[in-house]
Amino acid sequence: KSEIFRMILRSYARNISTEARRKLMISDINNNDDRNLNEDTFDEYLCALKDLFIINDVDAWNPNLRSKTSIITTPTRHFIDTSIATAALGISPDDLLNDMNSFGYFFEDFAIRDLSIYTEVLHGNLSHYRDSNGLECDAVIHLKNGKYALVEIKIGGENLIREGERNLL
């Protein structure tokens, strides 16, 4: 059972800060091992990981229930502590610095962790937004009084920051 636990953690870490579907992660696990992990077993392990405060999926935000645009509702895959993901993959800070694309996903996970803490203190909800038109927002902080803030998380240069600005606008 501990090997299944490690395989799920590795798959989660490979899909950090993405809307990876459960079936994709199960396929990832089954392709990297001789096991035939099924959805029920996968879901049991996910519940345990959530109960142990290891993973924290961020649900999708839908600002307009009657919108003609399809909202992608798959949760974004996150860890409570980003270092668990790096340990699951056996990667070092140098590995991340040599792969800025991957570093961006881990940085986003780290930022989401902090935003989750701040949002909880404000008694708000944290979610993400993606739609079928390609618009996205890494984090939506939604307060009980109806106010919300859209947050785009970027690292790796001015071009990526400008892309994030365009998405928000």
N, C-alpha and C. Protein backbone atom coordinates (compact mmCIF):
# COMPACT_ATOMS: atom_id res chain seq x y z
N LYS A 1 0.81 -1.20 0.00
CA LYS A 1 0.00 0.00 0.00
C LYS A 1 0.85 1.26 0.00
N SER A 2 2.00 1.23 0.65
CA SER A 2 2.84 2.42 0.68
C SER A 2 3.35 2.76 -0.73
N GLU A 3 3.54 1.74 -1.58
CA GLU A 3 3.98 2.00 -2.94
C GLU A 3 2.89 2.72 -3.75
N ILE A 4 1.64 2.34 -3.54
CA ILE A 4 0.52 3.03 -4.22
C ILE A 4 0.48 4.48 -3.75
N PHE A 5 0.65 4.69 -2.47
CA PHE A 5 0.68 6.03 -1.90
C PHE A 5 1.76 6.88 -2.57
N ARG A 6 2.96 6.31 -2.72
CA ARG A 6 4.07 7.03 -3.36
C ARG A 6 3.79 7.32 -4.84
N MET A 7 3.18 6.36 -5.53
CA MET A 7 2.87 6.56 -6.95
C MET A 7 1.84 7.67 -7.14
N ILE A 8 0.85 7.72 -6.26
CA ILE A 8 -0.16 8.78 -6.35
C ILE A 8 0.48 10.13 -6.05
N LEU A 9 1.34 10.19 -5.04
CA LEU A 9 2.04 11.44 -4.73
C LEU A 9 2.89 11.91 -5.92
N ARG A 10 3.60 10.99 -6.56
CA ARG A 10 4.43 11.34 -7.72
C ARG A 10 3.56 11.86 -8.87
N SER A 11 2.45 11.20 -9.13
CA SER A 11 1.56 11.64 -10.19
C SER A 11 1.00 13.02 -9.88
N TYR A 12 0.59 13.22 -8.63
CA TYR A 12 0.09 14.54 -8.22
C TYR A 12 1.18 15.60 -8.42
N ALA A 13 2.41 15.26 -8.04
CA ALA A 13 3.51 16.22 -8.18
C ALA A 13 3.80 16.51 -9.64
N ARG A 14 3.69 15.51 -10.51
CA ARG A 14 3.90 15.74 -11.94
C ARG A 14 2.81 16.61 -12.53
N ASN A 15 1.66 16.63 -11.89
CA ASN A 15 0.51 17.40 -12.37
C ASN A 15 0.21 18.61 -11.49
N ILE A 16 1.19 19.05 -10.74
CA ILE A 16 1.01 20.16 -9.79
C ILE A 16 0.55 21.42 -10.53
N SER A 17 -0.38 22.13 -9.94
CA SER A 17 -0.90 23.40 -10.46
C SER A 17 -1.56 23.27 -11.83
N THR A 18 -2.11 22.10 -12.12
CA THR A 18 -2.84 21.88 -13.37
C THR A 18 -4.23 21.35 -13.04
N GLU A 19 -5.08 21.30 -14.05
CA GLU A 19 -6.42 20.72 -13.88
C GLU A 19 -6.43 19.28 -14.37
N ALA A 20 -5.41 18.53 -14.01
CA ALA A 20 -5.32 17.13 -14.44
C ALA A 20 -6.53 16.36 -13.94
N ARG A 21 -7.15 15.65 -14.85
CA ARG A 21 -8.31 14.83 -14.49
C ARG A 21 -7.85 13.56 -13.77
N ARG A 22 -8.73 13.03 -12.96
CA ARG A 22 -8.43 11.80 -12.21
C ARG A 22 -8.00 10.68 -13.15
N LYS A 23 -8.72 10.52 -14.26
CA LYS A 23 -8.40 9.44 -15.20
C LYS A 23 -7.00 9.58 -15.77
N LEU A 24 -6.56 10.82 -16.00
CA LEU A 24 -5.20 11.05 -16.49
C LEU A 24 -4.17 10.59 -15.46
N MET A 25 -4.42 10.93 -14.19
CA MET A 25 -3.48 10.54 -13.14
C MET A 25 -3.48 9.03 -12.93
N ILE A 26 -4.64 8.41 -12.99
CA ILE A 26 -4.71 6.96 -12.86
C ILE A 26 -3.96 6.30 -14.01
N SER A 27 -4.15 6.80 -15.21
CA SER A 27 -3.43 6.28 -16.38
C SER A 27 -1.93 6.47 -16.21
N ASP A 28 -1.53 7.63 -15.70
CA ASP A 28 -0.11 7.91 -15.44
C ASP A 28 0.47 6.87 -14.49
N ILE A 29 -0.26 6.57 -13.44
CA ILE A 29 0.21 5.59 -12.45
C ILE A 29 0.28 4.20 -13.08
N ASN A 30 -0.77 3.81 -13.78
CA ASN A 30 -0.81 2.47 -14.38
C ASN A 30 0.24 2.29 -15.47
N ASN A 31 0.58 3.36 -16.18
CA ASN A 31 1.60 3.27 -17.22
C ASN A 31 3.01 3.19 -16.65
N ASN A 32 3.20 3.64 -15.41
CA ASN A 32 4.52 3.62 -14.78
C ASN A 32 4.71 2.46 -13.82
N ASP A 33 3.72 1.55 -13.77
CA ASP A 33 3.81 0.43 -12.85
C ASP A 33 2.98 -0.72 -13.42
N ASP A 34 3.21 -1.89 -12.95
CA ASP A 34 2.47 -3.07 -13.43
C ASP A 34 1.09 -3.20 -12.78
N ARG A 35 0.72 -2.27 -11.96
CA ARG A 35 -0.56 -2.34 -11.26
C ARG A 35 -1.70 -1.91 -12.18
N ASN A 36 -2.90 -2.24 -11.75
CA ASN A 36 -4.09 -1.77 -12.44
C ASN A 36 -4.94 -1.02 -11.41
N LEU A 37 -4.52 0.19 -11.09
CA LEU A 37 -5.20 1.01 -10.10
C LEU A 37 -6.55 1.44 -10.65
N ASN A 38 -7.62 1.24 -9.87
CA ASN A 38 -8.94 1.66 -10.33
C ASN A 38 -9.36 2.97 -9.66
N GLU A 39 -10.46 3.55 -10.16
CA GLU A 39 -10.90 4.86 -9.67
C GLU A 39 -11.29 4.82 -8.18
N ASP A 40 -11.93 3.74 -7.75
CA ASP A 40 -12.35 3.67 -6.34
C ASP A 40 -11.14 3.68 -5.40
N THR A 41 -10.13 2.89 -5.73
CA THR A 41 -8.92 2.86 -4.91
C THR A 41 -8.22 4.21 -4.93
N PHE A 42 -8.12 4.80 -6.13
CA PHE A 42 -7.51 6.13 -6.27
C PHE A 42 -8.24 7.13 -5.38
N ASP A 43 -9.58 7.13 -5.43
CA ASP A 43 -10.37 8.07 -4.64
C ASP A 43 -10.18 7.87 -3.14
N GLU A 44 -10.04 6.62 -2.71
CA GLU A 44 -9.80 6.35 -1.29
C GLU A 44 -8.47 6.96 -0.84
N TYR A 45 -7.44 6.80 -1.67
CA TYR A 45 -6.14 7.38 -1.34
C TYR A 45 -6.21 8.91 -1.35
N LEU A 46 -6.95 9.49 -2.31
CA LEU A 46 -7.08 10.95 -2.35
C LEU A 46 -7.75 11.47 -1.08
N CYS A 47 -8.78 10.77 -0.63
CA CYS A 47 -9.45 11.18 0.62
C CYS A 47 -8.47 11.14 1.79
N ALA A 48 -7.65 10.09 1.83
CA ALA A 48 -6.66 10.00 2.91
C ALA A 48 -5.65 11.13 2.81
N LEU A 49 -5.19 11.45 1.60
CA LEU A 49 -4.22 12.53 1.42
C LEU A 49 -4.80 13.88 1.82
N LYS A 50 -6.08 14.07 1.54
CA LYS A 50 -6.75 15.32 1.95
C LYS A 50 -6.92 15.35 3.47
N ASP A 51 -7.33 14.23 4.04
CA ASP A 51 -7.52 14.16 5.49
C ASP A 51 -6.22 14.38 6.25
N LEU A 52 -5.11 13.97 5.65
CA LEU A 52 -3.79 14.14 6.27
C LEU A 52 -3.16 15.51 5.96
N PHE A 53 -3.91 16.37 5.29
CA PHE A 53 -3.44 17.71 4.92
C PHE A 53 -2.16 17.65 4.08
N ILE A 54 -2.17 16.79 3.07
CA ILE A 54 -1.05 16.69 2.14
C ILE A 54 -1.39 17.35 0.82
N ILE A 55 -2.62 17.13 0.34
CA ILE A 55 -3.05 17.78 -0.91
C ILE A 55 -4.23 18.69 -0.62
N ASN A 56 -4.41 19.67 -1.50
CA ASN A 56 -5.50 20.63 -1.35
C ASN A 56 -5.92 21.08 -2.74
N ASP A 57 -6.89 20.39 -3.33
CA ASP A 57 -7.38 20.79 -4.64
C ASP A 57 -8.15 22.10 -4.53
N VAL A 58 -7.96 22.97 -5.52
CA VAL A 58 -8.65 24.26 -5.55
C VAL A 58 -9.75 24.16 -6.60
N ASP A 59 -10.98 24.35 -6.16
CA ASP A 59 -12.13 24.22 -7.05
C ASP A 59 -12.23 25.39 -8.03
N ALA A 60 -13.01 25.17 -9.07
CA ALA A 60 -13.23 26.20 -10.09
C ALA A 60 -14.28 27.21 -9.62
N TRP A 61 -14.12 28.44 -10.07
CA TRP A 61 -15.05 29.53 -9.77
C TRP A 61 -15.90 29.78 -10.99
N ASN A 62 -17.19 29.94 -10.80
CA ASN A 62 -18.09 30.27 -11.90
C ASN A 62 -18.82 31.55 -11.55
N PRO A 63 -18.38 32.68 -12.11
CA PRO A 63 -18.96 33.97 -11.73
C PRO A 63 -20.36 34.20 -12.28
N ASN A 64 -20.74 33.50 -13.35
CA ASN A 64 -22.03 33.74 -13.99
C ASN A 64 -22.65 32.41 -14.37
N LEU A 65 -23.66 32.02 -13.65
CA LEU A 65 -24.27 30.71 -13.88
C LEU A 65 -24.96 30.60 -15.23
N ARG A 66 -25.32 31.71 -15.84
CA ARG A 66 -26.03 31.67 -17.12
C ARG A 66 -25.15 32.04 -18.30
N SER A 67 -23.86 32.01 -18.13
CA SER A 67 -22.92 32.36 -19.18
C SER A 67 -22.97 31.35 -20.32
N LYS A 68 -22.78 31.83 -21.54
CA LYS A 68 -22.73 30.95 -22.71
C LYS A 68 -21.36 30.30 -22.86
N THR A 69 -20.38 30.82 -22.15
CA THR A 69 -19.03 30.28 -22.19
C THR A 69 -18.93 29.10 -21.24
N SER A 70 -18.36 27.99 -21.72
CA SER A 70 -18.19 26.81 -20.87
C SER A 70 -17.05 27.06 -19.88
N ILE A 71 -17.35 26.84 -18.63
CA ILE A 71 -16.36 26.98 -17.56
C ILE A 71 -15.76 25.59 -17.30
N ILE A 72 -14.44 25.52 -17.24
CA ILE A 72 -13.77 24.26 -16.93
C ILE A 72 -13.85 24.07 -15.42
N THR A 73 -14.47 22.97 -15.01
CA THR A 73 -14.77 22.79 -13.59
C THR A 73 -13.81 21.85 -12.87
N THR A 74 -12.82 21.31 -13.57
CA THR A 74 -11.86 20.41 -12.92
C THR A 74 -11.05 21.20 -11.90
N PRO A 75 -10.89 20.67 -10.70
CA PRO A 75 -10.08 21.38 -9.70
C PRO A 75 -8.61 21.43 -10.10
N THR A 76 -7.92 22.44 -9.60
CA THR A 76 -6.48 22.55 -9.80
C THR A 76 -5.80 21.74 -8.69
N ARG A 77 -4.80 20.96 -9.07
CA ARG A 77 -4.12 20.05 -8.14
C ARG A 77 -3.01 20.78 -7.40
N HIS A 78 -3.13 20.81 -6.07
CA HIS A 78 -2.14 21.50 -5.24
C HIS A 78 -1.79 20.67 -4.01
N PHE A 79 -0.65 21.01 -3.44
CA PHE A 79 -0.18 20.42 -2.20
C PHE A 79 -0.33 21.44 -1.09
N ILE A 80 -0.50 20.98 0.13
CA ILE A 80 -0.50 21.88 1.29
C ILE A 80 0.88 22.49 1.44
N ASP A 81 1.92 21.72 1.18
CA ASP A 81 3.30 22.17 1.28
C ASP A 81 4.02 21.72 0.01
N THR A 82 4.51 22.67 -0.76
CA THR A 82 5.16 22.38 -2.04
C THR A 82 6.36 21.46 -1.89
N SER A 83 7.01 21.50 -0.74
CA SER A 83 8.19 20.64 -0.55
C SER A 83 7.83 19.15 -0.60
N ILE A 84 6.59 18.81 -0.30
CA ILE A 84 6.16 17.40 -0.40
C ILE A 84 6.21 16.98 -1.87
N ALA A 85 5.79 17.85 -2.77
CA ALA A 85 5.82 17.54 -4.20
C ALA A 85 7.25 17.38 -4.70
N THR A 86 8.14 18.26 -4.27
CA THR A 86 9.53 18.15 -4.73
C THR A 86 10.17 16.87 -4.18
N ALA A 87 9.83 16.52 -2.93
CA ALA A 87 10.37 15.28 -2.35
C ALA A 87 9.82 14.06 -3.08
N ALA A 88 8.54 14.09 -3.44
CA ALA A 88 7.93 12.95 -4.14
C ALA A 88 8.60 12.69 -5.48
N LEU A 89 9.08 13.76 -6.12
CA LEU A 89 9.76 13.61 -7.41
C LEU A 89 11.27 13.52 -7.28
N GLY A 90 11.78 13.76 -6.07
CA GLY A 90 13.22 13.70 -5.85
C GLY A 90 13.97 14.80 -6.57
N ILE A 91 13.38 16.00 -6.61
CA ILE A 91 14.03 17.11 -7.31
C ILE A 91 14.60 18.12 -6.32
N SER A 92 15.64 18.79 -6.76
CA SER A 92 16.35 19.75 -5.92
C SER A 92 16.07 21.18 -6.41
N PRO A 93 16.47 22.18 -5.63
CA PRO A 93 16.35 23.56 -6.11
C PRO A 93 17.07 23.77 -7.44
N ASP A 94 18.23 23.15 -7.61
CA ASP A 94 18.96 23.29 -8.88
C ASP A 94 18.16 22.72 -10.04
N ASP A 95 17.48 21.59 -9.81
CA ASP A 95 16.64 21.01 -10.86
C ASP A 95 15.57 22.00 -11.30
N LEU A 96 14.96 22.68 -10.35
CA LEU A 96 13.92 23.66 -10.68
C LEU A 96 14.51 24.88 -11.39
N LEU A 97 15.66 25.34 -10.93
CA LEU A 97 16.28 26.51 -11.58
C LEU A 97 16.72 26.20 -13.01
N ASN A 98 16.98 24.94 -13.30
CA ASN A 98 17.37 24.55 -14.66
C ASN A 98 16.17 24.25 -15.55
N ASP A 99 14.96 24.31 -15.00
CA ASP A 99 13.74 24.07 -15.77
C ASP A 99 12.69 25.08 -15.33
N MET A 100 12.77 26.28 -15.92
CA MET A 100 11.89 27.38 -15.49
C MET A 100 10.41 27.07 -15.74
N ASN A 101 10.10 26.28 -16.75
CA ASN A 101 8.70 25.93 -17.00
C ASN A 101 8.14 25.14 -15.81
N SER A 102 8.85 24.11 -15.39
CA SER A 102 8.41 23.34 -14.22
C SER A 102 8.44 24.18 -12.96
N PHE A 103 9.48 25.01 -12.83
CA PHE A 103 9.58 25.88 -11.67
C PHE A 103 8.34 26.76 -11.54
N GLY A 104 7.79 27.20 -12.67
CA GLY A 104 6.59 28.03 -12.65
C GLY A 104 5.41 27.32 -11.99
N TYR A 105 5.24 26.03 -12.27
CA TYR A 105 4.15 25.27 -11.66
C TYR A 105 4.35 25.12 -10.15
N PHE A 106 5.58 24.87 -9.74
CA PHE A 106 5.87 24.73 -8.31
C PHE A 106 5.74 26.08 -7.60
N PHE A 107 6.16 27.15 -8.27
CA PHE A 107 6.01 28.49 -7.71
C PHE A 107 4.53 28.82 -7.53
N GLU A 108 3.72 28.48 -8.52
CA GLU A 108 2.28 28.72 -8.41
C GLU A 108 1.70 27.96 -7.22
N ASP A 109 2.12 26.72 -7.04
CA ASP A 109 1.64 25.92 -5.91
C ASP A 109 2.00 26.60 -4.59
N PHE A 110 3.22 27.08 -4.52
CA PHE A 110 3.70 27.77 -3.31
C PHE A 110 2.87 29.04 -3.05
N ALA A 111 2.59 29.82 -4.09
CA ALA A 111 1.79 31.04 -3.95
C ALA A 111 0.36 30.71 -3.54
N ILE A 112 -0.20 29.66 -4.12
CA ILE A 112 -1.56 29.25 -3.76
C ILE A 112 -1.64 28.87 -2.28
N ARG A 113 -0.60 28.23 -1.79
CA ARG A 113 -0.57 27.88 -0.37
C ARG A 113 -0.72 29.13 0.49
N ASP A 114 0.07 30.16 0.18
CA ASP A 114 0.00 31.40 0.96
C ASP A 114 -1.35 32.09 0.78
N LEU A 115 -1.85 32.14 -0.45
CA LEU A 115 -3.15 32.77 -0.69
C LEU A 115 -4.26 32.03 0.05
N SER A 116 -4.15 30.71 0.16
CA SER A 116 -5.15 29.92 0.90
C SER A 116 -5.18 30.35 2.37
N ILE A 117 -4.02 30.56 2.94
CA ILE A 117 -3.93 30.97 4.34
C ILE A 117 -4.55 32.36 4.52
N TYR A 118 -4.18 33.30 3.66
CA TYR A 118 -4.73 34.67 3.77
C TYR A 118 -6.24 34.67 3.57
N THR A 119 -6.71 33.90 2.60
CA THR A 119 -8.14 33.85 2.30
C THR A 119 -8.91 33.25 3.47
N GLU A 120 -8.35 32.23 4.10
CA GLU A 120 -9.02 31.61 5.25
C GLU A 120 -9.16 32.61 6.39
N VAL A 121 -8.11 33.41 6.64
CA VAL A 121 -8.16 34.41 7.70
C VAL A 121 -9.27 35.44 7.42
N LEU A 122 -9.51 35.73 6.14
CA LEU A 122 -10.56 36.68 5.75
C LEU A 122 -11.94 36.03 5.64
N HIS A 123 -12.03 34.74 5.98
CA HIS A 123 -13.26 33.96 5.88
C HIS A 123 -13.81 33.94 4.46
N GLY A 124 -12.90 33.88 3.51
CA GLY A 124 -13.29 33.83 2.10
C GLY A 124 -13.06 32.46 1.50
N ASN A 125 -13.25 32.40 0.19
CA ASN A 125 -13.02 31.16 -0.56
C ASN A 125 -11.97 31.41 -1.62
N LEU A 126 -11.14 30.41 -1.84
CA LEU A 126 -10.14 30.48 -2.89
C LEU A 126 -10.52 29.48 -3.98
N SER A 127 -10.50 29.95 -5.22
CA SER A 127 -10.80 29.07 -6.34
C SER A 127 -9.93 29.49 -7.52
N HIS A 128 -10.16 28.88 -8.67
CA HIS A 128 -9.44 29.26 -9.89
C HIS A 128 -10.47 29.41 -11.01
N TYR A 129 -10.05 29.95 -12.14
CA TYR A 129 -10.98 30.15 -13.26
C TYR A 129 -10.30 29.79 -14.57
N ARG A 130 -10.98 28.98 -15.37
CA ARG A 130 -10.58 28.69 -16.74
C ARG A 130 -11.85 28.49 -17.55
N ASP A 131 -11.83 29.03 -18.77
CA ASP A 131 -13.00 28.81 -19.62
C ASP A 131 -12.60 28.24 -20.98
N SER A 132 -13.60 27.93 -21.77
CA SER A 132 -13.37 27.29 -23.06
C SER A 132 -12.76 28.24 -24.09
N ASN A 133 -12.71 29.53 -23.79
CA ASN A 133 -12.08 30.51 -24.68
C ASN A 133 -10.60 30.68 -24.39
N GLY A 134 -10.08 29.96 -23.40
CA GLY A 134 -8.68 30.04 -23.06
C GLY A 134 -8.34 31.07 -22.01
N LEU A 135 -9.34 31.76 -21.49
CA LEU A 135 -9.08 32.72 -20.42
C LEU A 135 -8.88 31.96 -19.11
N GLU A 136 -7.96 32.45 -18.30
CA GLU A 136 -7.66 31.78 -17.05
C GLU A 136 -7.23 32.77 -15.99
N CYS A 137 -7.41 32.35 -14.78
CA CYS A 137 -6.96 33.10 -13.62
C CYS A 137 -6.53 32.07 -12.59
N ASP A 138 -5.29 32.15 -12.14
CA ASP A 138 -4.76 31.13 -11.24
C ASP A 138 -5.46 31.09 -9.90
N ALA A 139 -5.91 32.23 -9.43
CA ALA A 139 -6.58 32.27 -8.12
C ALA A 139 -7.66 33.35 -8.13
N VAL A 140 -8.77 33.01 -7.52
CA VAL A 140 -9.86 33.96 -7.30
C VAL A 140 -10.12 33.95 -5.80
N ILE A 141 -9.94 35.10 -5.18
CA ILE A 141 -10.24 35.25 -3.76
C ILE A 141 -11.62 35.87 -3.70
N HIS A 142 -12.57 35.13 -3.15
CA HIS A 142 -13.96 35.57 -3.11
C HIS A 142 -14.40 35.71 -1.66
N LEU A 143 -14.77 36.93 -1.28
CA LEU A 143 -15.16 37.20 0.10
C LEU A 143 -16.68 37.09 0.26
N LYS A 144 -17.13 36.93 1.49
CA LYS A 144 -18.56 36.74 1.75
C LYS A 144 -19.40 37.96 1.39
N ASN A 145 -18.78 39.14 1.36
CA ASN A 145 -19.53 40.35 1.01
C ASN A 145 -19.68 40.52 -0.50
N GLY A 146 -19.21 39.54 -1.27
CA GLY A 146 -19.36 39.58 -2.73
C GLY A 146 -18.14 40.12 -3.45
N LYS A 147 -17.23 40.75 -2.73
CA LYS A 147 -16.02 41.26 -3.36
C LYS A 147 -15.10 40.11 -3.72
N TYR A 148 -14.34 40.30 -4.79
CA TYR A 148 -13.39 39.27 -5.18
C TYR A 148 -12.16 39.90 -5.82
N ALA A 149 -11.09 39.15 -5.81
CA ALA A 149 -9.84 39.58 -6.44
C ALA A 149 -9.37 38.45 -7.35
N LEU A 150 -8.92 38.81 -8.54
CA LEU A 150 -8.35 37.86 -9.49
C LEU A 150 -6.84 37.95 -9.41
N VAL A 151 -6.19 36.80 -9.33
CA VAL A 151 -4.73 36.76 -9.16
C VAL A 151 -4.13 35.86 -10.23
N GLU A 152 -3.17 36.39 -10.94
CA GLU A 152 -2.41 35.61 -11.92
C GLU A 152 -1.01 35.45 -11.36
N ILE A 153 -0.51 34.23 -11.31
CA ILE A 153 0.79 33.94 -10.69
C ILE A 153 1.79 33.63 -11.80
N LYS A 154 2.85 34.42 -11.90
CA LYS A 154 3.84 34.23 -12.96
C LYS A 154 5.24 34.38 -12.39
N ILE A 155 6.16 33.63 -12.97
CA ILE A 155 7.58 33.76 -12.69
C ILE A 155 8.30 33.44 -13.99
N GLY A 156 9.41 34.09 -14.23
CA GLY A 156 10.20 33.72 -15.41
C GLY A 156 10.32 34.80 -16.46
N GLY A 157 10.01 36.02 -16.12
CA GLY A 157 10.29 37.08 -17.06
C GLY A 157 9.11 37.96 -17.41
N GLU A 158 9.45 39.05 -18.05
CA GLU A 158 8.47 40.08 -18.37
C GLU A 158 7.41 39.60 -19.36
N ASN A 159 7.79 38.75 -20.32
CA ASN A 159 6.81 38.27 -21.30
C ASN A 159 5.69 37.48 -20.61
N LEU A 160 6.04 36.64 -19.67
CA LEU A 160 5.02 35.88 -18.95
C LEU A 160 4.15 36.79 -18.09
N ILE A 161 4.75 37.79 -17.51
CA ILE A 161 3.98 38.74 -16.69
C ILE A 161 2.99 39.49 -17.57
N ARG A 162 3.41 39.92 -18.73
CA ARG A 162 2.50 40.62 -19.66
C ARG A 162 1.37 39.69 -20.12
N GLU A 163 1.68 38.42 -20.35
CA GLU A 163 0.65 37.44 -20.71
C GLU A 163 -0.38 37.33 -19.59
N GLY A 164 0.09 37.28 -18.35
CA GLY A 164 -0.80 37.24 -17.20
C GLY A 164 -1.67 38.48 -17.12
N GLU A 165 -1.10 39.65 -17.40
CA GLU A 165 -1.87 40.89 -17.39
C GLU A 165 -2.99 40.83 -18.43
N ARG A 166 -2.66 40.35 -19.63
CA ARG A 166 -3.67 40.24 -20.70
C ARG A 166 -4.80 39.32 -20.28
N ASN A 167 -4.48 38.21 -19.66
CA ASN A 167 -5.50 37.28 -19.21
C ASN A 167 -6.45 37.94 -18.20
N LEU A 168 -5.87 38.70 -17.28
CA LEU A 168 -6.70 39.35 -16.26
C LEU A 168 -7.59 40.42 -16.87
N LEU A 169 -7.05 41.16 -17.82
CA LEU A 169 -7.84 42.23 -18.44
C LEU A 169 -8.93 41.67 -19.32
